[in-house]
Amino acid sequence: MKHTTNYTDTFIEVAEDCPVSKAQIPPEKGIKTLADFQYEKIIKNPYIFSSDDIIFEWYAIKNDITETEKQEEWEKFFSKGQACLRTSPLAKRYGFGIHHNSGGKVAVFPVESEEYQKFMENSSITKVKAMRSKRK
């Protein structure tokens, strides 16, 4: 059975305990972090990649998976459930909402932006909150 992290027509709101009220670009820390990678991949390529694409690409980078191994590793990776973009530091820590369009492709929007507000007011889009960083 193939699992997926993709949503369609869904907006991931920032987490309830997100520490910022205005979106922040993840700071450079010398080594590329998950937040850096997701931010660069999505901000430069809005609605080009799905959640599965982004999550697997990070896994491939972290595990030195070659181009020739990718298809087989993709099958193995998604044979089990994986954390979706509701766990992304962009939505949990840095103040970005993540929109999945009807084709399952993603783009990010700063919490203070007009676009973010439009998604929040659009009743035809499913809304889910990003995961909290801390337990209640």
C-alpha atoms as a PDB file:
ATOM      1  CA  MET A   1       0.000   0.000   0.000  1.00  0.00           C
ATOM      2  CA  LYS A   2       1.369   3.412  -0.932  1.00  0.00           C
ATOM      3  CA  HIS A   3       1.060   6.166   1.631  1.00  0.00           C
ATOM      4  CA  THR A   4       1.074   9.867   0.775  1.00  0.00           C
ATOM      5  CA  THR A   5       1.560  13.188   2.544  1.00  0.00           C
ATOM      6  CA  ASN A   6      -0.248  15.092  -0.202  1.00  0.00           C
ATOM      7  CA  TYR A   7      -3.425  17.088   0.356  1.00  0.00           C
ATOM      8  CA  THR A   8      -5.650  18.731  -2.250  1.00  0.00           C
ATOM      9  CA  ASP A   9      -7.477  22.052  -1.898  1.00  0.00           C
ATOM     10  CA  THR A  10      -6.140  22.360   1.636  1.00  0.00           C
ATOM     11  CA  PHE A  11      -4.501  25.165   3.579  1.00  0.00           C
ATOM     12  CA  ILE A  12      -2.164  24.401   6.482  1.00  0.00           C
ATOM     13  CA  GLU A  13      -2.481  27.279   8.940  1.00  0.00           C
ATOM     14  CA  VAL A  14       0.401  28.280  11.190  1.00  0.00           C
ATOM     15  CA  ALA A  15       0.514  26.362  14.474  1.00  0.00           C
ATOM     16  CA  GLU A  16      -1.399  27.681  17.472  1.00  0.00           C
ATOM     17  CA  ASP A  17       1.888  28.084  19.329  1.00  0.00           C
ATOM     18  CA  CYS A  18       3.841  29.612  16.432  1.00  0.00           C
ATOM     19  CA  PRO A  19       6.132  32.188  18.114  1.00  0.00           C
ATOM     20  CA  VAL A  20       5.935  34.826  15.332  1.00  0.00           C
ATOM     21  CA  SER A  21       3.115  37.063  14.131  1.00  0.00           C
ATOM     22  CA  LYS A  22       5.014  38.006  10.957  1.00  0.00           C
ATOM     23  CA  ALA A  23       6.690  35.357   8.793  1.00  0.00           C
ATOM     24  CA  GLN A  24      10.460  35.012   9.006  1.00  0.00           C
ATOM     25  CA  ILE A  25      12.874  33.490   6.507  1.00  0.00           C
ATOM     26  CA  PRO A  26      14.642  30.601   8.256  1.00  0.00           C
ATOM     27  CA  PRO A  27      18.109  31.817   9.297  1.00  0.00           C
ATOM     28  CA  GLU A  28      21.206  30.351   7.623  1.00  0.00           C
ATOM     29  CA  LYS A  29      23.065  28.162  10.123  1.00  0.00           C
ATOM     30  CA  GLY A  30      26.095  27.101   8.107  1.00  0.00           C
ATOM     31  CA  ILE A  31      24.592  23.737   7.249  1.00  0.00           C
ATOM     32  CA  LYS A  32      21.306  23.447   5.366  1.00  0.00           C
ATOM     33  CA  THR A  33      18.412  22.758   7.718  1.00  0.00           C
ATOM     34  CA  LEU A  34      15.035  21.255   6.934  1.00  0.00           C
ATOM     35  CA  ALA A  35      13.488  24.733   7.230  1.00  0.00           C
ATOM     36  CA  ASP A  36      16.052  26.212   4.775  1.00  0.00           C
ATOM     37  CA  PHE A  37      15.490  23.410   2.302  1.00  0.00           C
ATOM     38  CA  GLN A  38      11.682  23.579   2.414  1.00  0.00           C
ATOM     39  CA  TYR A  39      11.658  27.377   2.210  1.00  0.00           C
ATOM     40  CA  GLU A  40      13.998  27.519  -0.805  1.00  0.00           C
ATOM     41  CA  LYS A  41      12.312  24.642  -2.633  1.00  0.00           C
ATOM     42  CA  ILE A  42       8.776  25.997  -2.214  1.00  0.00           C
ATOM     43  CA  ILE A  43       9.370  29.780  -2.428  1.00  0.00           C
ATOM     44  CA  LYS A  44      11.359  29.439  -5.682  1.00  0.00           C
ATOM     45  CA  ASN A  45       8.934  26.899  -7.178  1.00  0.00           C
ATOM     46  CA  PRO A  46       5.355  27.708  -6.095  1.00  0.00           C
ATOM     47  CA  TYR A  47       2.860  25.022  -7.138  1.00  0.00           C
ATOM     48  CA  ILE A  48       5.550  22.933  -8.855  1.00  0.00           C
ATOM     49  CA  PHE A  49       6.178  20.263  -6.183  1.00  0.00           C
ATOM     50  CA  SER A  50       3.870  18.131  -4.074  1.00  0.00           C
ATOM     51  CA  SER A  51       4.355  17.511  -0.377  1.00  0.00           C
ATOM     52  CA  ASP A  52       5.611  13.990  -1.222  1.00  0.00           C
ATOM     53  CA  ASP A  53       8.218  15.472  -3.592  1.00  0.00           C
ATOM     54  CA  ILE A  54       9.548  17.865  -0.946  1.00  0.00           C
ATOM     55  CA  ILE A  55       9.552  15.391   1.925  1.00  0.00           C
ATOM     56  CA  PHE A  56      11.234  12.663  -0.123  1.00  0.00           C
ATOM     57  CA  GLU A  57      13.842  15.033  -1.599  1.00  0.00           C
ATOM     58  CA  TRP A  58      14.982  15.993   1.923  1.00  0.00           C
ATOM     59  CA  TYR A  59      15.140  12.304   2.871  1.00  0.00           C
ATOM     60  CA  ALA A  60      17.201  11.600  -0.277  1.00  0.00           C
ATOM     61  CA  ILE A  61      19.636  14.425   0.534  1.00  0.00           C
ATOM     62  CA  LYS A  62      20.040  13.347   4.163  1.00  0.00           C
ATOM     63  CA  ASN A  63      20.601   9.717   3.127  1.00  0.00           C
ATOM     64  CA  ASP A  64      22.858  10.308   0.081  1.00  0.00           C
ATOM     65  CA  ILE A  65      20.431   8.568  -2.260  1.00  0.00           C
ATOM     66  CA  THR A  66      21.623   8.677  -5.864  1.00  0.00           C
ATOM     67  CA  GLU A  67      19.443   9.450  -8.892  1.00  0.00           C
ATOM     68  CA  THR A  68      19.550   5.789  -9.908  1.00  0.00           C
ATOM     69  CA  GLU A  69      18.347   4.675  -6.456  1.00  0.00           C
ATOM     70  CA  LYS A  70      15.564   7.249  -6.138  1.00  0.00           C
ATOM     71  CA  GLN A  71      12.657   5.313  -7.680  1.00  0.00           C
ATOM     72  CA  GLU A  72      13.263   2.206  -5.568  1.00  0.00           C
ATOM     73  CA  GLU A  73      13.869   4.289  -2.421  1.00  0.00           C
ATOM     74  CA  TRP A  74      10.689   6.326  -3.121  1.00  0.00           C
ATOM     75  CA  GLU A  75       8.670   3.076  -3.121  1.00  0.00           C
ATOM     76  CA  LYS A  76      10.258   1.937   0.157  1.00  0.00           C
ATOM     77  CA  PHE A  77       9.894   5.375   1.793  1.00  0.00           C
ATOM     78  CA  PHE A  78       6.184   5.684   0.999  1.00  0.00           C
ATOM     79  CA  SER A  79       5.394   2.058   1.854  1.00  0.00           C
ATOM     80  CA  LYS A  80       5.064   3.428   5.415  1.00  0.00           C
ATOM     81  CA  GLY A  81       3.246   6.522   6.607  1.00  0.00           C
ATOM     82  CA  GLN A  82       5.362   9.698   6.782  1.00  0.00           C
ATOM     83  CA  ALA A  83       4.921  13.029   8.551  1.00  0.00           C
ATOM     84  CA  CYS A  84       3.197  15.582   6.300  1.00  0.00           C
ATOM     85  CA  LEU A  85       3.893  19.311   5.940  1.00  0.00           C
ATOM     86  CA  ARG A  86       1.750  19.968   9.040  1.00  0.00           C
ATOM     87  CA  THR A  87       5.038  19.204  10.849  1.00  0.00           C
ATOM     88  CA  SER A  88       7.038  21.661   8.717  1.00  0.00           C
ATOM     89  CA  PRO A  89       9.067  24.242  10.643  1.00  0.00           C
ATOM     90  CA  LEU A  90       7.772  26.804   8.129  1.00  0.00           C
ATOM     91  CA  ALA A  91       4.262  26.476   9.587  1.00  0.00           C
ATOM     92  CA  LYS A  92       5.272  25.612  13.159  1.00  0.00           C
ATOM     93  CA  ARG A  93       8.045  28.147  13.786  1.00  0.00           C
ATOM     94  CA  TYR A  94       8.481  30.611  10.911  1.00  0.00           C
ATOM     95  CA  GLY A  95       4.933  31.872  10.247  1.00  0.00           C
ATOM     96  CA  PHE A  96       4.106  30.481   6.798  1.00  0.00           C
ATOM     97  CA  GLY A  97       0.823  28.914   5.762  1.00  0.00           C
ATOM     98  CA  ILE A  98       1.111  26.143   3.189  1.00  0.00           C
ATOM     99  CA  HIS A  99      -1.470  25.841   0.425  1.00  0.00           C
ATOM    100  CA  HIS A 100      -2.035  22.586  -1.482  1.00  0.00           C
ATOM    101  CA  ASN A 101      -3.855  23.298  -4.759  1.00  0.00           C
ATOM    102  CA  SER A 102      -6.314  20.988  -6.542  1.00  0.00           C
ATOM    103  CA  GLY A 103      -3.369  19.144  -8.120  1.00  0.00           C
ATOM    104  CA  GLY A 104      -1.675  18.618  -4.742  1.00  0.00           C
ATOM    105  CA  LYS A 105       1.149  21.091  -5.486  1.00  0.00           C
ATOM    106  CA  VAL A 106       2.250  23.465  -2.708  1.00  0.00           C
ATOM    107  CA  ALA A 107       3.090  27.137  -2.164  1.00  0.00           C
ATOM    108  CA  VAL A 108       3.766  29.120   1.031  1.00  0.00           C
ATOM    109  CA  PHE A 109       2.237  32.383   2.217  1.00  0.00           C
ATOM    110  CA  PRO A 110       3.329  34.644   5.092  1.00  0.00           C
ATOM    111  CA  VAL A 111       0.823  34.729   7.956  1.00  0.00           C
ATOM    112  CA  GLU A 112       0.509  38.526   7.654  1.00  0.00           C
ATOM    113  CA  SER A 113      -0.204  38.497   3.904  1.00  0.00           C
ATOM    114  CA  GLU A 114      -3.467  39.233   2.100  1.00  0.00           C
ATOM    115  CA  GLU A 115      -3.213  35.847   0.370  1.00  0.00           C
ATOM    116  CA  TYR A 116      -3.083  34.063   3.748  1.00  0.00           C
ATOM    117  CA  GLN A 117      -6.247  35.916   4.815  1.00  0.00           C
ATOM    118  CA  LYS A 118      -7.997  34.997   1.561  1.00  0.00           C
ATOM    119  CA  PHE A 119      -7.282  31.306   2.159  1.00  0.00           C
ATOM    120  CA  MET A 120      -8.607  31.614   5.712  1.00  0.00           C
ATOM    121  CA  GLU A 121     -11.837  33.206   4.430  1.00  0.00           C
ATOM    122  CA  ASN A 122     -12.323  30.764   1.523  1.00  0.00           C
ATOM    123  CA  SER A 123     -14.956  28.237   2.621  1.00  0.00           C
ATOM    124  CA  SER A 124     -14.246  25.908  -0.329  1.00  0.00           C
ATOM    125  CA  ILE A 125     -10.743  25.123   0.986  1.00  0.00           C
ATOM    126  CA  THR A 126     -10.136  22.672   3.818  1.00  0.00           C
ATOM    127  CA  LYS A 127      -8.113  24.176   6.668  1.00  0.00           C
ATOM    128  CA  VAL A 128      -5.881  22.257   9.039  1.00  0.00           C
ATOM    129  CA  LYS A 129      -3.535  23.641  11.664  1.00  0.00           C
ATOM    130  CA  ALA A 130       0.169  22.886  11.671  1.00  0.00           C
ATOM    131  CA  MET A 131       1.235  20.675  14.547  1.00  0.00           C
ATOM    132  CA  ARG A 132       1.992  22.387  17.816  1.00  0.00           C
ATOM    133  CA  SER A 133       5.633  22.510  18.892  1.00  0.00           C
ATOM    134  CA  LYS A 134       4.759  21.824  22.520  1.00  0.00           C
ATOM    135  CA  ARG A 135       2.113  19.697  24.146  1.00  0.00           C
ATOM    136  CA  LYS A 136      -0.668  21.510  25.956  1.00  0.00           C
END
